[in-house]
Amino acid sequence: MRSRDQESENRGQAEHQTEILLRAAFPPLGKEPESPRDLWPAMLRRMDEQASRGAAGIPWFDWALGGALLAVAAMAPRTIPVILYYL
């Protein structure tokens, strides 16, 4: 009977030590856990900027990769199903 009491006491101490370590690792958030600044309008503005760039916003490497795929498909039409499978 004594060993069960010791096990529960040891478990309680371990939980207490874990709680102390967690509280030390994560600082308190303060009175307001949310950001004082609303980030959603900035995100919408950034999305609008990216949408307004259109095709000019696509990097040159993507254009080169697309051109290479079209060239391979033109030279070897049998590769078209394989390319479509991996897309």
PDB file of N, CA and C in Angstrom:
ATOM      1  N   MET A   1       0.831  -1.182   0.000  1.00  0.00           N
ATOM      2  CA  MET A   1       0.000   0.000   0.000  1.00  0.00           C
ATOM      3  C   MET A   1       0.875   1.246   0.000  1.00  0.00           C
ATOM      4  N   ARG A   2       2.005   1.160   0.620  1.00  0.00           N
ATOM      5  CA  ARG A   2       2.904   2.306   0.731  1.00  0.00           C
ATOM      6  C   ARG A   2       3.474   2.691  -0.634  1.00  0.00           C
ATOM      7  N   SER A   3       3.734   1.691  -1.492  1.00  0.00           N
ATOM      8  CA  SER A   3       4.350   1.968  -2.787  1.00  0.00           C
ATOM      9  C   SER A   3       3.394   2.768  -3.688  1.00  0.00           C
ATOM     10  N   ARG A   4       2.097   2.538  -3.583  1.00  0.00           N
ATOM     11  CA  ARG A   4       1.133   3.305  -4.380  1.00  0.00           C
ATOM     12  C   ARG A   4       1.137   4.768  -3.958  1.00  0.00           C
ATOM     13  N   ASP A   5       1.224   5.022  -2.682  1.00  0.00           N
ATOM     14  CA  ASP A   5       1.266   6.398  -2.199  1.00  0.00           C
ATOM     15  C   ASP A   5       2.541   7.086  -2.678  1.00  0.00           C
ATOM     16  N   GLN A   6       3.651   6.349  -2.650  1.00  0.00           N
ATOM     17  CA  GLN A   6       4.911   6.924  -3.103  1.00  0.00           C
ATOM     18  C   GLN A   6       4.873   7.207  -4.603  1.00  0.00           C
ATOM     19  N   GLU A   7       4.266   6.300  -5.376  1.00  0.00           N
ATOM     20  CA  GLU A   7       4.167   6.494  -6.821  1.00  0.00           C
ATOM     21  C   GLU A   7       3.334   7.736  -7.144  1.00  0.00           C
ATOM     22  N   SER A   8       2.205   7.877  -6.459  1.00  0.00           N
ATOM     23  CA  SER A   8       1.365   9.046  -6.727  1.00  0.00           C
ATOM     24  C   SER A   8       2.060  10.337  -6.285  1.00  0.00           C
ATOM     25  N   GLU A   9       2.827  10.254  -5.195  1.00  0.00           N
ATOM     26  CA  GLU A   9       3.565  11.434  -4.723  1.00  0.00           C
ATOM     27  C   GLU A   9       4.678  11.795  -5.710  1.00  0.00           C
ATOM     28  N   ASN A  10       5.379  10.782  -6.223  1.00  0.00           N
ATOM     29  CA  ASN A  10       6.430  11.021  -7.212  1.00  0.00           C
ATOM     30  C   ASN A  10       5.835  11.597  -8.501  1.00  0.00           C
ATOM     31  N   ARG A  11       4.692  11.077  -8.908  1.00  0.00           N
ATOM     32  CA  ARG A  11       4.034  11.575 -10.107  1.00  0.00           C
ATOM     33  C   ARG A  11       3.613  13.028  -9.914  1.00  0.00           C
ATOM     34  N   GLY A  12       3.122  13.355  -8.736  1.00  0.00           N
ATOM     35  CA  GLY A  12       2.730  14.726  -8.435  1.00  0.00           C
ATOM     36  C   GLY A  12       3.919  15.675  -8.464  1.00  0.00           C
ATOM     37  N   GLN A  13       5.050  15.217  -7.942  1.00  0.00           N
ATOM     38  CA  GLN A  13       6.258  16.038  -7.970  1.00  0.00           C
ATOM     39  C   GLN A  13       6.748  16.234  -9.403  1.00  0.00           C
ATOM     40  N   ALA A  14       6.686  15.176 -10.196  1.00  0.00           N
ATOM     41  CA  ALA A  14       7.121  15.269 -11.594  1.00  0.00           C
ATOM     42  C   ALA A  14       6.233  16.242 -12.370  1.00  0.00           C
ATOM     43  N   GLU A  15       4.925  16.184 -12.114  1.00  0.00           N
ATOM     44  CA  GLU A  15       4.005  17.105 -12.778  1.00  0.00           C
ATOM     45  C   GLU A  15       4.289  18.541 -12.348  1.00  0.00           C
ATOM     46  N   HIS A  16       4.571  18.722 -11.081  1.00  0.00           N
ATOM     47  CA  HIS A  16       4.871  20.057 -10.570  1.00  0.00           C
ATOM     48  C   HIS A  16       6.158  20.592 -11.198  1.00  0.00           C
ATOM     49  N   GLN A  17       7.174  19.755 -11.302  1.00  0.00           N
ATOM     50  CA  GLN A  17       8.428  20.180 -11.929  1.00  0.00           C
ATOM     51  C   GLN A  17       8.224  20.491 -13.413  1.00  0.00           C
ATOM     52  N   THR A  18       7.413  19.695 -14.087  1.00  0.00           N
ATOM     53  CA  THR A  18       7.111  19.948 -15.498  1.00  0.00           C
ATOM     54  C   THR A  18       6.389  21.275 -15.648  1.00  0.00           C
ATOM     55  N   GLU A  19       5.448  21.541 -14.768  1.00  0.00           N
ATOM     56  CA  GLU A  19       4.720  22.807 -14.813  1.00  0.00           C
ATOM     57  C   GLU A  19       5.661  23.988 -14.615  1.00  0.00           C
ATOM     58  N   ILE A  20       6.584  23.875 -13.682  1.00  0.00           N
ATOM     59  CA  ILE A  20       7.555  24.953 -13.430  1.00  0.00           C
ATOM     60  C   ILE A  20       8.425  25.181 -14.664  1.00  0.00           C
ATOM     61  N   LEU A  21       8.890  24.090 -15.283  1.00  0.00           N
ATOM     62  CA  LEU A  21       9.724  24.215 -16.470  1.00  0.00           C
ATOM     63  C   LEU A  21       8.959  24.847 -17.637  1.00  0.00           C
ATOM     64  N   LEU A  22       7.706  24.455 -17.805  1.00  0.00           N
ATOM     65  CA  LEU A  22       6.895  25.038 -18.875  1.00  0.00           C
ATOM     66  C   LEU A  22       6.646  26.523 -18.641  1.00  0.00           C
ATOM     67  N   ARG A  23       6.353  26.886 -17.418  1.00  0.00           N
ATOM     68  CA  ARG A  23       6.128  28.307 -17.106  1.00  0.00           C
ATOM     69  C   ARG A  23       7.396  29.128 -17.332  1.00  0.00           C
ATOM     70  N   ALA A  24       8.564  28.532 -17.071  1.00  0.00           N
ATOM     71  CA  ALA A  24       9.818  29.246 -17.298  1.00  0.00           C
ATOM     72  C   ALA A  24      10.136  29.361 -18.788  1.00  0.00           C
ATOM     73  N   ALA A  25       9.761  28.343 -19.567  1.00  0.00           N
ATOM     74  CA  ALA A  25      10.073  28.337 -20.992  1.00  0.00           C
ATOM     75  C   ALA A  25       9.181  29.287 -21.781  1.00  0.00           C
ATOM     76  N   PHE A  26       7.926  29.407 -21.391  1.00  0.00           N
ATOM     77  CA  PHE A  26       6.987  30.264 -22.098  1.00  0.00           C
ATOM     78  C   PHE A  26       6.656  31.466 -21.236  1.00  0.00           C
ATOM     79  N   PRO A  27       7.115  32.642 -21.627  1.00  0.00           N
ATOM     80  CA  PRO A  27       6.840  33.830 -20.822  1.00  0.00           C
ATOM     81  C   PRO A  27       5.354  34.173 -20.867  1.00  0.00           C
ATOM     82  N   PRO A  28       4.863  34.880 -19.860  1.00  0.00           N
ATOM     83  CA  PRO A  28       3.445  35.248 -19.862  1.00  0.00           C
ATOM     84  C   PRO A  28       3.137  36.175 -21.033  1.00  0.00           C
ATOM     85  N   LEU A  29       1.921  36.069 -21.527  1.00  0.00           N
ATOM     86  CA  LEU A  29       1.521  36.844 -22.694  1.00  0.00           C
ATOM     87  C   LEU A  29       1.118  38.265 -22.348  1.00  0.00           C
ATOM     88  N   GLY A  30       0.883  38.530 -21.121  1.00  0.00           N
ATOM     89  CA  GLY A  30       0.486  39.869 -20.725  1.00  0.00           C
ATOM     90  C   GLY A  30      -1.035  39.975 -20.623  1.00  0.00           C
ATOM     91  N   LYS A  31      -1.497  41.198 -20.540  1.00  0.00           N
ATOM     92  CA  LYS A  31      -2.934  41.403 -20.386  1.00  0.00           C
ATOM     93  C   LYS A  31      -3.682  41.108 -21.672  1.00  0.00           C
ATOM     94  N   GLU A  32      -3.059  41.468 -22.822  1.00  0.00           N
ATOM     95  CA  GLU A  32      -3.700  41.235 -24.116  1.00  0.00           C
ATOM     96  C   GLU A  32      -2.892  40.211 -24.905  1.00  0.00           C
ATOM     97  N   PRO A  33      -3.393  38.986 -25.009  1.00  0.00           N
ATOM     98  CA  PRO A  33      -2.639  37.973 -25.745  1.00  0.00           C
ATOM     99  C   PRO A  33      -2.634  38.217 -27.248  1.00  0.00           C
ATOM    100  N   GLU A  34      -3.544  39.027 -27.768  1.00  0.00           N
ATOM    101  CA  GLU A  34      -3.600  39.305 -29.193  1.00  0.00           C
ATOM    102  C   GLU A  34      -2.675  40.464 -29.547  1.00  0.00           C
ATOM    103  N   SER A  35      -2.316  40.526 -30.792  1.00  0.00           N
ATOM    104  CA  SER A  35      -1.451  41.594 -31.269  1.00  0.00           C
ATOM    105  C   SER A  35      -2.193  42.928 -31.201  1.00  0.00           C
ATOM    106  N   PRO A  36      -1.509  43.991 -30.788  1.00  0.00           N
ATOM    107  CA  PRO A  36      -2.179  45.286 -30.741  1.00  0.00           C
ATOM    108  C   PRO A  36      -2.481  45.824 -32.144  1.00  0.00           C
ATOM    109  N   ARG A  37      -1.789  45.310 -33.141  1.00  0.00           N
ATOM    110  CA  ARG A  37      -1.992  45.763 -34.507  1.00  0.00           C
ATOM    111  C   ARG A  37      -2.715  44.680 -35.297  1.00  0.00           C
ATOM    112  N   ASP A  38      -3.746  45.056 -36.033  1.00  0.00           N
ATOM    113  CA  ASP A  38      -4.489  44.101 -36.844  1.00  0.00           C
ATOM    114  C   ASP A  38      -3.704  43.824 -38.115  1.00  0.00           C
ATOM    115  N   LEU A  39      -3.385  42.567 -38.362  1.00  0.00           N
ATOM    116  CA  LEU A  39      -2.551  42.201 -39.499  1.00  0.00           C
ATOM    117  C   LEU A  39      -3.353  41.907 -40.766  1.00  0.00           C
ATOM    118  N   TRP A  40      -4.669  41.756 -40.639  1.00  0.00           N
ATOM    119  CA  TRP A  40      -5.463  41.374 -41.801  1.00  0.00           C
ATOM    120  C   TRP A  40      -5.466  42.448 -42.899  1.00  0.00           C
ATOM    121  N   PRO A  41      -5.611  43.746 -42.601  1.00  0.00           N
ATOM    122  CA  PRO A  41      -5.554  44.742 -43.686  1.00  0.00           C
ATOM    123  C   PRO A  41      -4.213  44.734 -44.423  1.00  0.00           C
ATOM    124  N   ALA A  42      -3.117  44.529 -43.713  1.00  0.00           N
ATOM    125  CA  ALA A  42      -1.813  44.458 -44.368  1.00  0.00           C
ATOM    126  C   ALA A  42      -1.731  43.238 -45.278  1.00  0.00           C
ATOM    127  N   MET A  43      -2.326  42.140 -44.857  1.00  0.00           N
ATOM    128  CA  MET A  43      -2.328  40.928 -45.677  1.00  0.00           C
ATOM    129  C   MET A  43      -3.155  41.137 -46.940  1.00  0.00           C
ATOM    130  N   LEU A  44      -4.310  41.778 -46.810  1.00  0.00           N
ATOM    131  CA  LEU A  44      -5.135  42.063 -47.987  1.00  0.00           C
ATOM    132  C   LEU A  44      -4.408  42.982 -48.958  1.00  0.00           C
ATOM    133  N   ARG A  45      -3.712  43.981 -48.437  1.00  0.00           N
ATOM    134  CA  ARG A  45      -2.953  44.901 -49.280  1.00  0.00           C
ATOM    135  C   ARG A  45      -1.862  44.147 -50.052  1.00  0.00           C
ATOM    136  N   ARG A  46      -1.181  43.251 -49.368  1.00  0.00           N
ATOM    137  CA  ARG A  46      -0.112  42.480 -50.014  1.00  0.00           C
ATOM    138  C   ARG A  46      -0.681  41.553 -51.079  1.00  0.00           C
ATOM    139  N   MET A  47      -1.828  40.936 -50.817  1.00  0.00           N
ATOM    140  CA  MET A  47      -2.450  40.058 -51.807  1.00  0.00           C
ATOM    141  C   MET A  47      -2.886  40.859 -53.034  1.00  0.00           C
ATOM    142  N   ASP A  48      -3.407  42.058 -52.824  1.00  0.00           N
ATOM    143  CA  ASP A  48      -3.797  42.907 -53.947  1.00  0.00           C
ATOM    144  C   ASP A  48      -2.582  43.315 -54.776  1.00  0.00           C
ATOM    145  N   GLU A  49      -1.452  43.616 -54.138  1.00  0.00           N
ATOM    146  CA  GLU A  49      -0.231  43.979 -54.861  1.00  0.00           C
ATOM    147  C   GLU A  49       0.247  42.818 -55.727  1.00  0.00           C
ATOM    148  N   GLN A  50       0.196  41.614 -55.188  1.00  0.00           N
ATOM    149  CA  GLN A  50       0.638  40.452 -55.954  1.00  0.00           C
ATOM    150  C   GLN A  50      -0.306  40.167 -57.106  1.00  0.00           C
ATOM    151  N   ALA A  51      -1.602  40.364 -56.905  1.00  0.00           N
ATOM    152  CA  ALA A  51      -2.568  40.112 -57.968  1.00  0.00           C
ATOM    153  C   ALA A  51      -2.459  41.154 -59.070  1.00  0.00           C
ATOM    154  N   SER A  52      -2.102  42.387 -58.731  1.00  0.00           N
ATOM    155  CA  SER A  52      -2.016  43.440 -59.737  1.00  0.00           C
ATOM    156  C   SER A  52      -0.797  43.271 -60.631  1.00  0.00           C
ATOM    157  N   ARG A  53       0.240  42.575 -60.161  1.00  0.00           N
ATOM    158  CA  ARG A  53       1.432  42.367 -60.988  1.00  0.00           C
ATOM    159  C   ARG A  53       1.153  41.437 -62.150  1.00  0.00           C
ATOM    160  N   GLY A  54       0.250  40.472 -61.979  1.00  0.00           N
ATOM    161  CA  GLY A  54      -0.113  39.558 -63.058  1.00  0.00           C
ATOM    162  C   GLY A  54       1.047  38.694 -63.504  1.00  0.00           C
ATOM    163  N   ALA A  55       1.244  38.584 -64.837  1.00  0.00           N
ATOM    164  CA  ALA A  55       2.280  37.717 -65.390  1.00  0.00           C
ATOM    165  C   ALA A  55       3.682  38.251 -65.107  1.00  0.00           C
ATOM    166  N   ALA A  56       3.798  39.544 -64.853  1.00  0.00           N
ATOM    167  CA  ALA A  56       5.122  40.117 -64.565  1.00  0.00           C
ATOM    168  C   ALA A  56       5.644  39.651 -63.211  1.00  0.00           C
ATOM    169  N   GLY A  57       4.759  39.179 -62.341  1.00  0.00           N
ATOM    170  CA  GLY A  57       5.173  38.737 -61.014  1.00  0.00           C
ATOM    171  C   GLY A  57       5.692  37.314 -60.986  1.00  0.00           C
ATOM    172  N   ILE A  58       5.634  36.613 -62.117  1.00  0.00           N
ATOM    173  CA  ILE A  58       6.106  35.229 -62.166  1.00  0.00           C
ATOM    174  C   ILE A  58       7.609  35.241 -62.415  1.00  0.00           C
ATOM    175  N   PRO A  59       8.394  34.535 -61.624  1.00  0.00           N
ATOM    176  CA  PRO A  59       9.855  34.530 -61.803  1.00  0.00           C
ATOM    177  C   PRO A  59      10.268  33.946 -63.157  1.00  0.00           C
ATOM    178  N   TRP A  60      11.434  34.355 -63.633  1.00  0.00           N
ATOM    179  CA  TRP A  60      11.919  33.917 -64.941  1.00  0.00           C
ATOM    180  C   TRP A  60      12.141  32.417 -64.992  1.00  0.00           C
ATOM    181  N   PHE A  61      12.504  31.826 -63.851  1.00  0.00           N
ATOM    182  CA  PHE A  61      12.763  30.385 -63.862  1.00  0.00           C
ATOM    183  C   PHE A  61      11.490  29.597 -64.136  1.00  0.00           C
ATOM    184  N   ASP A  62      10.372  30.069 -63.647  1.00  0.00           N
ATOM    185  CA  ASP A  62       9.101  29.394 -63.925  1.00  0.00           C
ATOM    186  C   ASP A  62       8.773  29.456 -65.407  1.00  0.00           C
ATOM    187  N   TRP A  63       9.036  30.611 -66.040  1.00  0.00           N
ATOM    188  CA  TRP A  63       8.803  30.733 -67.483  1.00  0.00           C
ATOM    189  C   TRP A  63       9.722  29.770 -68.243  1.00  0.00           C
ATOM    190  N   ALA A  64      10.988  29.660 -67.820  1.00  0.00           N
ATOM    191  CA  ALA A  64      11.932  28.766 -68.478  1.00  0.00           C
ATOM    192  C   ALA A  64      11.516  27.308 -68.319  1.00  0.00           C
ATOM    193  N   LEU A  65      11.040  26.952 -67.154  1.00  0.00           N
ATOM    194  CA  LEU A  65      10.595  25.585 -66.917  1.00  0.00           C
ATOM    195  C   LEU A  65       9.370  25.255 -67.769  1.00  0.00           C
ATOM    196  N   GLY A  66       8.441  26.190 -67.860  1.00  0.00           N
ATOM    197  CA  GLY A  66       7.262  25.986 -68.707  1.00  0.00           C
ATOM    198  C   GLY A  66       7.646  25.854 -70.169  1.00  0.00           C
ATOM    199  N   GLY A  67       8.586  26.682 -70.618  1.00  0.00           N
ATOM    200  CA  GLY A  67       9.044  26.580 -72.004  1.00  0.00           C
ATOM    201  C   GLY A  67       9.731  25.260 -72.278  1.00  0.00           C
ATOM    202  N   ALA A  68      10.515  24.791 -71.319  1.00  0.00           N
ATOM    203  CA  ALA A  68      11.197  23.505 -71.481  1.00  0.00           C
ATOM    204  C   ALA A  68      10.189  22.366 -71.553  1.00  0.00           C
ATOM    205  N   LEU A  69       9.149  22.425 -70.753  1.00  0.00           N
ATOM    206  CA  LEU A  69       8.112  21.385 -70.810  1.00  0.00           C
ATOM    207  C   LEU A  69       7.404  21.385 -72.150  1.00  0.00           C
ATOM    208  N   LEU A  70       7.101  22.568 -72.676  1.00  0.00           N
ATOM    209  CA  LEU A  70       6.461  22.654 -73.981  1.00  0.00           C
ATOM    210  C   LEU A  70       7.384  22.131 -75.080  1.00  0.00           C
ATOM    211  N   ALA A  71       8.676  22.428 -74.982  1.00  0.00           N
ATOM    212  CA  ALA A  71       9.629  21.946 -75.982  1.00  0.00           C
ATOM    213  C   ALA A  71       9.729  20.422 -75.949  1.00  0.00           C
ATOM    214  N   VAL A  72       9.780  19.855 -74.758  1.00  0.00           N
ATOM    215  CA  VAL A  72       9.846  18.395 -74.631  1.00  0.00           C
ATOM    216  C   VAL A  72       8.566  17.771 -75.175  1.00  0.00           C
ATOM    217  N   ALA A  73       7.423  18.373 -74.888  1.00  0.00           N
ATOM    218  CA  ALA A  73       6.153  17.839 -75.383  1.00  0.00           C
ATOM    219  C   ALA A  73       6.073  17.944 -76.901  1.00  0.00           C
ATOM    220  N   ALA A  74       6.653  19.006 -77.476  1.00  0.00           N
ATOM    221  CA  ALA A  74       6.633  19.160 -78.931  1.00  0.00           C
ATOM    222  C   ALA A  74       7.571  18.156 -79.605  1.00  0.00           C
ATOM    223  N   MET A  75       8.721  17.889 -78.983  1.00  0.00           N
ATOM    224  CA  MET A  75       9.677  16.958 -79.584  1.00  0.00           C
ATOM    225  C   MET A  75       9.274  15.505 -79.378  1.00  0.00           C
ATOM    226  N   ALA A  76       8.646  15.196 -78.265  1.00  0.00           N
ATOM    227  CA  ALA A  76       8.251  13.816 -77.971  1.00  0.00           C
ATOM    228  C   ALA A  76       6.817  13.820 -77.438  1.00  0.00           C
ATOM    229  N   PRO A  77       5.836  13.774 -78.349  1.00  0.00           N
ATOM    230  CA  PRO A  77       4.430  13.852 -77.913  1.00  0.00           C
ATOM    231  C   PRO A  77       3.997  12.723 -76.982  1.00  0.00           C
ATOM    232  N   ARG A  78       4.734  11.609 -76.985  1.00  0.00           N
ATOM    233  CA  ARG A  78       4.374  10.500 -76.102  1.00  0.00           C
ATOM    234  C   ARG A  78       4.597  10.845 -74.635  1.00  0.00           C
ATOM    235  N   THR A  79       5.361  11.884 -74.370  1.00  0.00           N
ATOM    236  CA  THR A  79       5.637  12.275 -72.982  1.00  0.00           C
ATOM    237  C   THR A  79       4.506  13.108 -72.371  1.00  0.00           C
ATOM    238  N   ILE A  80       3.559  13.560 -73.180  1.00  0.00           N
ATOM    239  CA  ILE A  80       2.474  14.405 -72.675  1.00  0.00           C
ATOM    240  C   ILE A  80       1.689  13.708 -71.558  1.00  0.00           C
ATOM    241  N   PRO A  81       1.249  12.451 -71.699  1.00  0.00           N
ATOM    242  CA  PRO A  81       0.545  11.804 -70.569  1.00  0.00           C
ATOM    243  C   PRO A  81       1.396  11.686 -69.308  1.00  0.00           C
ATOM    244  N   VAL A  82       2.698  11.455 -69.501  1.00  0.00           N
ATOM    245  CA  VAL A  82       3.604  11.346 -68.339  1.00  0.00           C
ATOM    246  C   VAL A  82       3.688  12.695 -67.631  1.00  0.00           C
ATOM    247  N   ILE A  83       3.848  13.769 -68.401  1.00  0.00           N
ATOM    248  CA  ILE A  83       3.917  15.117 -67.812  1.00  0.00           C
ATOM    249  C   ILE A  83       2.621  15.443 -67.086  1.00  0.00           C
ATOM    250  N   LEU A  84       1.495  15.117 -67.714  1.00  0.00           N
ATOM    251  CA  LEU A  84       0.197  15.389 -67.078  1.00  0.00           C
ATOM    252  C   LEU A  84       0.007  14.552 -65.812  1.00  0.00           C
ATOM    253  N   TYR A  85       0.533  13.339 -65.813  1.00  0.00           N
ATOM    254  CA  TYR A  85       0.419  12.495 -64.630  1.00  0.00           C
ATOM    255  C   TYR A  85       1.145  13.112 -63.445  1.00  0.00           C
ATOM    256  N   TYR A  86       2.328  13.683 -63.677  1.00  0.00           N
ATOM    257  CA  TYR A  86       3.118  14.243 -62.582  1.00  0.00           C
ATOM    258  C   TYR A  86       2.697  15.651 -62.206  1.00  0.00           C
ATOM    259  N   LEU A  87       1.826  16.279 -62.962  1.00  0.00           N
ATOM    260  CA  LEU A  87       1.322  17.589 -62.563  1.00  0.00           C
ATOM    261  C   LEU A  87       0.222  17.362 -61.587  1.00  0.00           C
TER     262      LEU A  87
END
